[in-house]
C-alpha atoms as a PDB file:
ATOM      1  CA  MET A   1      27.195   5.732  -3.177  1.00  0.00           C
ATOM      2  CA  ILE A   2      24.174   6.229  -1.385  1.00  0.00           C
ATOM      3  CA  LEU A   3      24.349   8.204   1.671  1.00  0.00           C
ATOM      4  CA  TRP A   4      21.969   8.652   4.405  1.00  0.00           C
ATOM      5  CA  GLN A   5      21.032   9.252   8.100  1.00  0.00           C
ATOM      6  CA  ALA A   6      19.223   7.149  10.907  1.00  0.00           C
ATOM      7  CA  PRO A   7      17.392   9.411  13.499  1.00  0.00           C
ATOM      8  CA  SER A   8      19.791  12.138  15.355  1.00  0.00           C
ATOM      9  CA  THR A   9      20.443  12.236  18.987  1.00  0.00           C
ATOM     10  CA  VAL A  10      21.713  14.625  20.874  1.00  0.00           C
ATOM     11  CA  THR A  11      25.112  13.929  22.664  1.00  0.00           C
ATOM     12  CA  GLY A  12      26.838  16.770  24.577  1.00  0.00           C
ATOM     13  CA  GLY A  13      25.196  19.598  22.606  1.00  0.00           C
ATOM     14  CA  ARG A  14      26.403  17.241  19.032  1.00  0.00           C
ATOM     15  CA  ALA A  15      23.360  16.182  16.847  1.00  0.00           C
ATOM     16  CA  CYS A  16      25.336  12.479  16.678  1.00  0.00           C
ATOM     17  CA  THR A  17      24.084  10.818  13.149  1.00  0.00           C
ATOM     18  CA  GLY A  18      24.043   6.569  13.656  1.00  0.00           C
ATOM     19  CA  TYR A  19      23.071   4.380  10.507  1.00  0.00           C
ATOM     20  CA  GLY A  20      19.809   2.429   9.717  1.00  0.00           C
ATOM     21  CA  LEU A  21      17.227   2.516   6.599  1.00  0.00           C
ATOM     22  CA  LYS A  22      14.303   3.128   8.572  1.00  0.00           C
ATOM     23  CA  GLY A  23      13.322   6.228  10.932  1.00  0.00           C
ATOM     24  CA  VAL A  24      14.181   9.469   8.529  1.00  0.00           C
ATOM     25  CA  GLU A  25      10.654  10.626   8.255  1.00  0.00           C
ATOM     26  CA  SER A  26       9.740  11.642   4.777  1.00  0.00           C
ATOM     27  CA  THR A  27       8.911  15.330   3.881  1.00  0.00           C
ATOM     28  CA  MET A  28       9.471  16.097   0.096  1.00  0.00           C
ATOM     29  CA  GLY A  29       6.143  15.536  -0.300  1.00  0.00           C
ATOM     30  CA  GLY A  30       4.884  18.722   1.751  1.00  0.00           C
ATOM     31  CA  SER A  31       7.978  21.178   2.431  1.00  0.00           C
ATOM     32  CA  PHE A  32      10.284  22.589   0.860  1.00  0.00           C
ATOM     33  CA  SER A  33      13.811  23.736   1.513  1.00  0.00           C
ATOM     34  CA  ARG A  34      16.531  25.350   0.200  1.00  0.00           C
ATOM     35  CA  ARG A  35      19.755  25.186   1.982  1.00  0.00           C
ATOM     36  CA  LEU A  36      23.571  25.377   1.991  1.00  0.00           C
ATOM     37  CA  LEU A  37      25.447  22.346   1.000  1.00  0.00           C
ATOM     38  CA  VAL A  38      29.167  21.017   1.619  1.00  0.00           C
ATOM     39  CA  SER A  39      30.495  17.871  -0.180  1.00  0.00           C
ATOM     40  CA  VAL A  40      34.105  16.121   0.731  1.00  0.00           C
ATOM     41  CA  ASP A  41      35.412  14.178  -0.277  1.00  0.00           C
ATOM     42  CA  ALA A  42      39.194  13.401   0.129  1.00  0.00           C
ATOM     43  CA  VAL A  43      41.908  12.007  -2.663  1.00  0.00           C
ATOM     44  CA  GLY A  44      42.940   8.540  -3.039  1.00  0.00           C
ATOM     45  CA  TYR A  45      41.073   6.432  -0.708  1.00  0.00           C
ATOM     46  CA  GLY A  46      40.364   4.096  -2.449  1.00  0.00           C
ATOM     47  CA  SER A  47      43.379   2.810  -3.325  1.00  0.00           C
ATOM     48  CA  GLY A  48      44.845   2.925   0.055  1.00  0.00           C
ATOM     49  CA  ASP A  49      45.368  -0.198   2.244  1.00  0.00           C
ATOM     50  CA  ASP A  50      43.676  -0.967   5.421  1.00  0.00           C
ATOM     51  CA  ILE A  51      46.131   0.945   7.622  1.00  0.00           C
ATOM     52  CA  ARG A  52      45.676   4.257   5.208  1.00  0.00           C
ATOM     53  CA  GLN A  53      41.692   4.406   4.790  1.00  0.00           C
ATOM     54  CA  ARG A  54      41.046   4.697   8.372  1.00  0.00           C
ATOM     55  CA  SER A  55      43.855   6.825   9.550  1.00  0.00           C
ATOM     56  CA  MET A  56      41.915   9.214   6.682  1.00  0.00           C
ATOM     57  CA  GLN A  57      38.546   8.199   8.142  1.00  0.00           C
ATOM     58  CA  THR A  58      40.236   9.536  11.611  1.00  0.00           C
ATOM     59  CA  ALA A  59      41.633  12.673  10.203  1.00  0.00           C
ATOM     60  CA  ILE A  60      39.073  14.170   7.933  1.00  0.00           C
ATOM     61  CA  PRO A  61      36.484  14.551  10.768  1.00  0.00           C
ATOM     62  CA  ALA A  62      39.258  16.116  12.965  1.00  0.00           C
ATOM     63  CA  VAL A  63      40.849  18.753  10.092  1.00  0.00           C
ATOM     64  CA  LEU A  64      36.856  19.281   9.309  1.00  0.00           C
ATOM     65  CA  ALA A  65      36.191  20.310  12.993  1.00  0.00           C
ATOM     66  CA  ASP A  66      39.306  22.509  13.727  1.00  0.00           C
ATOM     67  CA  ALA A  67      38.571  24.454   9.914  1.00  0.00           C
ATOM     68  CA  ALA A  68      34.845  25.204  10.802  1.00  0.00           C
ATOM     69  CA  LYS A  69      36.019  26.229  14.763  1.00  0.00           C
ATOM     70  CA  ARG A  70      38.300  28.468  13.677  1.00  0.00           C
ATOM     71  CA  ALA A  71      36.399  30.417  11.267  1.00  0.00           C
ATOM     72  CA  GLY A  72      33.703  30.494  13.964  1.00  0.00           C
ATOM     73  CA  LEU A  73      31.235  28.818  12.305  1.00  0.00           C
ATOM     74  CA  ASP A  74      28.938  25.630  14.426  1.00  0.00           C
ATOM     75  CA  ARG A  75      29.672  22.236  13.131  1.00  0.00           C
ATOM     76  CA  THR A  76      27.812  20.736  15.825  1.00  0.00           C
ATOM     77  CA  ARG A  77      24.399  22.127  14.164  1.00  0.00           C
ATOM     78  CA  TRP A  78      25.683  20.478  10.521  1.00  0.00           C
ATOM     79  CA  VAL A  79      23.524  17.756   9.788  1.00  0.00           C
ATOM     80  CA  GLU A  80      26.392  14.826   8.297  1.00  0.00           C
ATOM     81  CA  GLN A  81      26.179  12.013   6.109  1.00  0.00           C
ATOM     82  CA  GLN A  82      29.130  10.606   6.031  1.00  0.00           C
ATOM     83  CA  ALA A  83      31.124   7.879   4.027  1.00  0.00           C
ATOM     84  CA  GLY A  84      34.590   6.545   4.517  1.00  0.00           C
ATOM     85  CA  ASP A  85      36.452   9.033   2.140  1.00  0.00           C
ATOM     86  CA  GLY A  86      34.226  11.944   2.925  1.00  0.00           C
ATOM     87  CA  GLU A  87      30.817  13.567   3.773  1.00  0.00           C
ATOM     88  CA  LEU A  88      27.977  15.867   3.045  1.00  0.00           C
ATOM     89  CA  ALA A  89      27.074  18.784   5.276  1.00  0.00           C
ATOM     90  CA  ILE A  90      23.074  20.156   5.432  1.00  0.00           C
ATOM     91  CA  LEU A  91      23.838  23.719   7.238  1.00  0.00           C
ATOM     92  CA  PRO A  92      20.707  24.381   9.193  1.00  0.00           C
ATOM     93  CA  ASP A  93      17.643  26.447   7.496  1.00  0.00           C
ATOM     94  CA  ASP A  94      19.293  30.472   9.820  1.00  0.00           C
ATOM     95  CA  GLN A  95      23.273  29.232   8.521  1.00  0.00           C
ATOM     96  CA  SER A  96      21.592  28.964   4.963  1.00  0.00           C
ATOM     97  CA  ASP A  97      22.988  33.260   4.361  1.00  0.00           C
ATOM     98  CA  HIS A  98      26.828  31.648   6.061  1.00  0.00           C
ATOM     99  CA  GLU A  99      28.213  31.299   1.811  1.00  0.00           C
ATOM    100  CA  PRO A 100      30.546  34.136   2.469  1.00  0.00           C
ATOM    101  CA  GLU A 101      31.778  32.375   5.812  1.00  0.00           C
ATOM    102  CA  VAL A 102      32.100  29.153   4.219  1.00  0.00           C
ATOM    103  CA  VAL A 103      33.367  29.627   1.124  1.00  0.00           C
ATOM    104  CA  ASP A 104      36.249  32.883   2.035  1.00  0.00           C
ATOM    105  CA  ASP A 105      36.959  31.496   5.828  1.00  0.00           C
ATOM    106  CA  PHE A 106      36.441  27.913   6.759  1.00  0.00           C
ATOM    107  CA  VAL A 107      38.149  26.791   2.432  1.00  0.00           C
ATOM    108  CA  ARG A 108      41.380  29.578   4.314  1.00  0.00           C
ATOM    109  CA  GLU A 109      41.068  27.359   7.588  1.00  0.00           C
ATOM    110  CA  LEU A 110      40.286  24.388   5.792  1.00  0.00           C
ATOM    111  CA  ASN A 111      43.358  24.356   4.031  1.00  0.00           C
ATOM    112  CA  THR A 112      45.681  25.468   7.020  1.00  0.00           C
ATOM    113  CA  ALA A 113      44.365  22.222   8.671  1.00  0.00           C
ATOM    114  CA  LEU A 114      45.574  20.164   6.057  1.00  0.00           C
ATOM    115  CA  ALA A 115      49.151  21.792   5.594  1.00  0.00           C
ATOM    116  CA  ARG A 116      49.246  21.398   9.366  1.00  0.00           C
ATOM    117  CA  HIS A 117      48.310  17.478   8.907  1.00  0.00           C
ATOM    118  CA  ASN A 118      50.697  17.378   6.112  1.00  0.00           C
ATOM    119  CA  ARG A 119      53.603  18.537   7.094  1.00  0.00           C
ATOM    120  CA  GLU A 120      55.795  15.234   8.382  1.00  0.00           C
ATOM    121  CA  LEU A 121      54.137  13.020   6.190  1.00  0.00           C
ATOM    122  CA  ARG A 122      55.262  11.564   2.721  1.00  0.00           C
ATOM    123  CA  ASP A 123      53.622  12.822  -0.287  1.00  0.00           C
ATOM    124  CA  ASP A 124      51.728   9.374  -0.539  1.00  0.00           C
ATOM    125  CA  ALA A 125      50.172   9.505   2.989  1.00  0.00           C
ATOM    126  CA  ARG A 126      49.060  13.015   3.013  1.00  0.00           C
ATOM    127  CA  LEU A 127      45.110  14.359   2.833  1.00  0.00           C
ATOM    128  CA  ARG A 128      43.996  15.826   0.039  1.00  0.00           C
ATOM    129  CA  LEU A 129      40.165  16.663  -0.121  1.00  0.00           C
ATOM    130  CA  ARG A 130      37.989  18.044  -2.888  1.00  0.00           C
ATOM    131  CA  LEU A 131      35.409  20.623  -1.420  1.00  0.00           C
ATOM    132  CA  ALA A 132      32.064  21.485  -3.249  1.00  0.00           C
ATOM    133  CA  VAL A 133      29.363  24.355  -2.080  1.00  0.00           C
ATOM    134  CA  HIS A 134      25.951  24.742  -3.587  1.00  0.00           C
ATOM    135  CA  ASN A 135      22.882  25.925  -2.302  1.00  0.00           C
ATOM    136  CA  GLY A 136      19.973  24.182  -3.289  1.00  0.00           C
ATOM    137  CA  VAL A 137      16.755  22.158  -2.248  1.00  0.00           C
ATOM    138  CA  ALA A 138      17.058  19.381   0.007  1.00  0.00           C
ATOM    139  CA  ALA A 139      15.231  17.513   2.373  1.00  0.00           C
ATOM    140  CA  PRO A 140      14.653  15.116   4.327  1.00  0.00           C
ATOM    141  CA  ALA A 141      13.830  11.571   2.489  1.00  0.00           C
ATOM    142  CA  ASP A 142      14.208   7.284   3.580  1.00  0.00           C
ATOM    143  CA  PHE A 143      17.555   6.934   2.432  1.00  0.00           C
ATOM    144  CA  GLY A 144      18.907  10.713   4.088  1.00  0.00           C
ATOM    145  CA  TYR A 145      18.447  14.031   2.017  1.00  0.00           C
ATOM    146  CA  ALA A 146      17.219  14.451  -1.551  1.00  0.00           C
ATOM    147  CA  GLY A 147      16.498  16.919  -3.970  1.00  0.00           C
ATOM    148  CA  GLN A 148      18.670  18.728  -6.451  1.00  0.00           C
ATOM    149  CA  GLY A 149      20.743  20.439  -4.295  1.00  0.00           C
ATOM    150  CA  VAL A 150      22.242  16.885  -2.897  1.00  0.00           C
ATOM    151  CA  VAL A 151      22.678  15.853  -6.638  1.00  0.00           C
ATOM    152  CA  ALA A 152      24.599  18.984  -7.769  1.00  0.00           C
ATOM    153  CA  VAL A 153      26.773  19.383  -4.851  1.00  0.00           C
ATOM    154  CA  SER A 154      27.435  15.635  -5.256  1.00  0.00           C
ATOM    155  CA  ARG A 155      28.230  15.499  -8.618  1.00  0.00           C
ATOM    156  CA  LEU A 156      30.252  18.981  -8.330  1.00  0.00           C
ATOM    157  CA  VAL A 157      32.940  17.481  -5.580  1.00  0.00           C
ATOM    158  CA  ASP A 158      33.293  14.493  -7.685  1.00  0.00           C
ATOM    159  CA  ALA A 159      34.163  15.952 -11.151  1.00  0.00           C
ATOM    160  CA  ALA A 160      36.565  14.746 -13.730  1.00  0.00           C
ATOM    161  CA  PRO A 161      38.210  17.887 -14.491  1.00  0.00           C
ATOM    162  CA  VAL A 162      38.311  18.589 -10.359  1.00  0.00           C
ATOM    163  CA  LYS A 163      40.294  15.448  -9.880  1.00  0.00           C
ATOM    164  CA  ALA A 164      42.170  16.522 -12.617  1.00  0.00           C
ATOM    165  CA  ALA A 165      43.245  19.774 -11.097  1.00  0.00           C
ATOM    166  CA  LEU A 166      45.026  17.965  -7.818  1.00  0.00           C
ATOM    167  CA  ARG A 167      46.694  15.854  -9.952  1.00  0.00           C
ATOM    168  CA  ALA A 168      47.938  18.474 -12.014  1.00  0.00           C
ATOM    169  CA  VAL A 169      49.510  20.697  -9.113  1.00  0.00           C
ATOM    170  CA  PRO A 170      50.844  17.751  -6.821  1.00  0.00           C
ATOM    171  CA  THR A 171      51.796  20.061  -4.108  1.00  0.00           C
ATOM    172  CA  ALA A 172      48.043  21.362  -3.707  1.00  0.00           C
ATOM    173  CA  ASN A 173      46.636  20.412  -0.626  1.00  0.00           C
ATOM    174  CA  LEU A 174      42.462  21.479  -1.969  1.00  0.00           C
ATOM    175  CA  ALA A 175      40.492  21.820  -4.356  1.00  0.00           C
ATOM    176  CA  LEU A 176      37.411  24.165  -3.728  1.00  0.00           C
ATOM    177  CA  VAL A 177      34.808  23.931  -6.906  1.00  0.00           C
ATOM    178  CA  LEU A 178      31.268  26.197  -6.201  1.00  0.00           C
ATOM    179  CA  SER A 179      28.078  26.072  -8.178  1.00  0.00           C
ATOM    180  CA  GLU A 180      27.619  28.895 -10.553  1.00  0.00           C
ATOM    181  CA  ARG A 181      24.785  30.115  -8.231  1.00  0.00           C
ATOM    182  CA  VAL A 182      27.433  30.912  -5.591  1.00  0.00           C
ATOM    183  CA  PHE A 183      29.902  32.013  -7.636  1.00  0.00           C
ATOM    184  CA  LEU A 184      27.565  34.905  -8.790  1.00  0.00           C
ATOM    185  CA  ASP A 185      26.199  35.539  -5.590  1.00  0.00           C
ATOM    186  CA  VAL A 186      28.915  35.305  -3.578  1.00  0.00           C
ATOM    187  CA  VAL A 187      32.702  35.891  -5.642  1.00  0.00           C
ATOM    188  CA  ALA A 188      31.565  37.748  -7.734  1.00  0.00           C
ATOM    189  CA  GLN A 189      30.200  40.479  -6.369  1.00  0.00           C
ATOM    190  CA  GLY A 190      33.013  41.219  -3.696  1.00  0.00           C
ATOM    191  CA  HIS A 191      31.396  39.275  -0.553  1.00  0.00           C
ATOM    192  CA  THR A 192      34.494  37.206   0.074  1.00  0.00           C
ATOM    193  CA  ALA A 193      38.311  37.983   0.704  1.00  0.00           C
ATOM    194  CA  VAL A 194      39.305  35.671  -2.334  1.00  0.00           C
ATOM    195  CA  PRO A 195      38.706  37.276  -5.615  1.00  0.00           C
ATOM    196  CA  PRO A 196      36.858  36.222  -8.790  1.00  0.00           C
ATOM    197  CA  ALA A 197      40.293  36.447 -10.724  1.00  0.00           C
ATOM    198  CA  ALA A 198      41.610  33.259  -8.394  1.00  0.00           C
ATOM    199  CA  PHE A 199      38.663  31.227  -9.939  1.00  0.00           C
ATOM    200  CA  ARG A 200      38.359  29.630 -13.124  1.00  0.00           C
ATOM    201  CA  ALA A 201      35.168  28.629 -15.026  1.00  0.00           C
ATOM    202  CA  ILE A 202      34.566  25.140 -16.076  1.00  0.00           C
ATOM    203  CA  THR A 203      32.198  22.555 -17.455  1.00  0.00           C
ATOM    204  CA  VAL A 204      31.073  19.408 -14.821  1.00  0.00           C
ATOM    205  CA  HIS A 205      29.403  16.963 -17.348  1.00  0.00           C
ATOM    206  CA  ASN A 206      28.926  13.959 -15.269  1.00  0.00           C
ATOM    207  CA  LYS A 207      25.831  11.360 -15.824  1.00  0.00           C
ATOM    208  CA  GLU A 208      22.647  13.540 -16.891  1.00  0.00           C
ATOM    209  CA  PHE A 209      24.176  16.929 -14.921  1.00  0.00           C
ATOM    210  CA  ARG A 210      26.079  19.190 -17.136  1.00  0.00           C
ATOM    211  CA  GLU A 211      27.150  22.759 -15.688  1.00  0.00           C
ATOM    212  CA  THR A 212      28.992  25.542 -15.350  1.00  0.00           C
ATOM    213  CA  ALA A 213      31.489  25.651 -12.161  1.00  0.00           C
ATOM    214  CA  TYR A 214      34.096  27.779 -10.240  1.00  0.00           C
ATOM    215  CA  LEU A 215      37.548  25.680  -9.352  1.00  0.00           C
ATOM    216  CA  HIS A 216      39.579  27.204  -6.932  1.00  0.00           C
ATOM    217  CA  LEU A 217      42.926  25.986  -5.363  1.00  0.00           C
ATOM    218  CA  PRO A 218      43.892  27.717  -2.297  1.00  0.00           C
ATOM    219  CA  GLY A 219      47.842  28.499  -2.563  1.00  0.00           C
ATOM    220  CA  HIS A 220      48.330  28.195  -6.471  1.00  0.00           C
ATOM    221  CA  ASP A 221      47.524  30.026  -9.451  1.00  0.00           C
ATOM    222  CA  VAL A 222      44.428  27.121 -11.211  1.00  0.00           C
ATOM    223  CA  HIS A 223      44.922  29.155 -14.731  1.00  0.00           C
ATOM    224  CA  GLY A 224      48.351  27.900 -14.495  1.00  0.00           C
ATOM    225  CA  ILE A 225      46.834  24.347 -15.487  1.00  0.00           C
ATOM    226  CA  PRO A 226      46.636  23.545 -18.939  1.00  0.00           C
ATOM    227  CA  THR A 227      43.714  23.479 -20.549  1.00  0.00           C
ATOM    228  CA  ASP A 228      43.418  20.199 -21.892  1.00  0.00           C
ATOM    229  CA  ALA A 229      44.337  19.103 -18.886  1.00  0.00           C
ATOM    230  CA  LEU A 230      41.285  20.044 -17.301  1.00  0.00           C
ATOM    231  CA  ASP A 231      38.791  18.587 -20.034  1.00  0.00           C
ATOM    232  CA  SER A 232      37.027  15.341 -19.238  1.00  0.00           C
ATOM    233  CA  PRO A 233      38.379  11.984 -21.022  1.00  0.00           C
ATOM    234  CA  ARG A 234      36.370  11.398 -23.878  1.00  0.00           C
ATOM    235  CA  PRO A 235      36.018   8.037 -24.605  1.00  0.00           C
ATOM    236  CA  ALA A 236      37.934   6.259 -27.424  1.00  0.00           C
ATOM    237  CA  PRO A 237      36.499   6.139 -30.847  1.00  0.00           C
ATOM    238  CA  ALA A 238      34.843   2.984 -31.392  1.00  0.00           C
ATOM    239  CA  PRO A 239      37.435   0.943 -33.990  1.00  0.00           C
ATOM    240  CA  ALA A 240      36.176   0.685 -37.701  1.00  0.00           C
ATOM    241  CA  ARG A 241      34.771  -1.880 -39.120  1.00  0.00           C
ATOM    242  CA  THR A 242      36.655  -3.584 -41.611  1.00  0.00           C
ATOM    243  CA  ASP A 243      34.994  -6.221 -44.115  1.00  0.00           C
ATOM    244  CA  PRO A 244      37.623  -9.508 -43.385  1.00  0.00           C
ATOM    245  CA  PRO A 245      39.973  -9.403 -46.667  1.00  0.00           C
ATOM    246  CA  PRO A 246      38.094 -11.403 -49.979  1.00  0.00           C
ATOM    247  CA  ALA A 247      38.620 -15.154 -49.838  1.00  0.00           C
ATOM    248  CA  ALA A 248      40.348 -17.534 -52.861  1.00  0.00           C
ATOM    249  CA  ASP A 249      38.298 -18.265 -55.655  1.00  0.00           C
ATOM    250  CA  SER A 250      38.543 -22.158 -54.442  1.00  0.00           C
ATOM    251  CA  ALA A 251      37.512 -21.188 -51.001  1.00  0.00           C
ATOM    252  CA  ARG A 252      34.580 -19.347 -52.245  1.00  0.00           C
ATOM    253  CA  GLN A 253      33.185 -21.496 -54.789  1.00  0.00           C
ATOM    254  CA  PRO A 254      31.256 -24.404 -53.486  1.00  0.00           C
ATOM    255  CA  HIS A 255      32.846 -28.264 -53.727  1.00  0.00           C
ATOM    256  CA  GLN A 256      31.488 -30.140 -57.383  1.00  0.00           C
ATOM    257  CA  ALA A 257      30.926 -34.009 -56.683  1.00  0.00           C
ATOM    258  CA  THR A 258      32.061 -35.535 -59.782  1.00  0.00           C
ATOM    259  CA  MET A 259      31.181 -39.234 -60.850  1.00  0.00           C
ATOM    260  CA  THR A 260      33.568 -41.472 -63.520  1.00  0.00           C
ATOM    261  CA  GLN A 261      31.315 -44.320 -64.606  1.00  0.00           C
ATOM    262  CA  ASN A 262      33.298 -47.408 -67.361  1.00  0.00           C
ATOM    263  CA  PHE A 263      30.876 -48.347 -70.141  1.00  0.00           C
ATOM    264  CA  TYR A 264      31.553 -51.919 -71.585  1.00  0.00           C
ATOM    265  CA  GLY A 265      29.810 -53.198 -74.093  1.00  0.00           C
ATOM    266  CA  SER A 266      26.403 -51.421 -75.352  1.00  0.00           C
ATOM    267  CA  VAL A 267      24.241 -49.140 -73.272  1.00  0.00           C
ATOM    268  CA  ASP A 268      20.860 -47.998 -73.786  1.00  0.00           C
ATOM    269  CA  ALA A 269      21.431 -44.174 -72.973  1.00  0.00           C
ATOM    270  CA  THR A 270      17.695 -43.670 -74.273  1.00  0.00           C
ATOM    271  CA  GLU A 271      16.700 -39.692 -72.751  1.00  0.00           C
ATOM    272  CA  SER A 272      19.603 -39.232 -70.927  1.00  0.00           C
ATOM    273  CA  VAL A 273      22.176 -36.368 -70.607  1.00  0.00           C
ATOM    274  CA  VAL A 274      25.719 -37.838 -71.374  1.00  0.00           C
ATOM    275  CA  GLY A 275      29.114 -35.177 -70.844  1.00  0.00           C
ATOM    276  CA  ILE A 276      33.034 -35.804 -72.523  1.00  0.00           C
ATOM    277  CA  GLN A 277      35.203 -33.931 -71.084  1.00  0.00           C
ATOM    278  CA  TRP A 278      38.474 -34.550 -72.719  1.00  0.00           C
ATOM    279  CA  ASN A 279      41.790 -34.439 -70.906  1.00  0.00           C
ATOM    280  CA  ALA A 280      44.693 -32.944 -72.592  1.00  0.00           C
END
């Protein structure tokens, strides 16, 4: 999925992004910017019908905005690259040190907002999200934002163990995955109310990306999930090569042509080879 952003305009104090292939000035060649990155993806979007997908597209930004407001975060200044089933948000430079608020307050309020949204819905209509947080390099490029930070947070939110955790705990509305950098700098150092013990180390292996990350299911014990349930599916082994069964002798032997010649009278067989077969 390629995410990109056209030039922004400001309406009512909020940066509004449009869609287009031109107009985004690339600064990757001349600048270096480390940003706090938040990626969100919805569970089951692709399998939903048209009405379900429209409902999810309405609900996702609503619960994100509600959670940010209640957490005291100014989401109007986040640069958002939206897709039908989620978004990538790049926080501004002066909010890149808000990691504790995002990991702690925003996640808590988002889980609460999802619970409110899902309260009256059938199980198959609930909105369930995967949320990844990373601090890494991101800078404007022709198709939106580029950099290893963008790659990392995108791989984290799409990681197989994160998806598996929500399958294993169907009552969970939210799965949070942190990059190792964010976990060690923020959670392990005691900057959040959520303790390190509430997270579980996982290995994220997605395409060329392979890193340790930390998984948390707000309101649920992530350590209660069986280990094999979080293992990334392995490709099935190639079937063993079997040689075809040996053919019967008659099938392997080439057909030998025979000729029968009847002789009458005398025959001159000089320099000839004559074979005689007797049939009993």
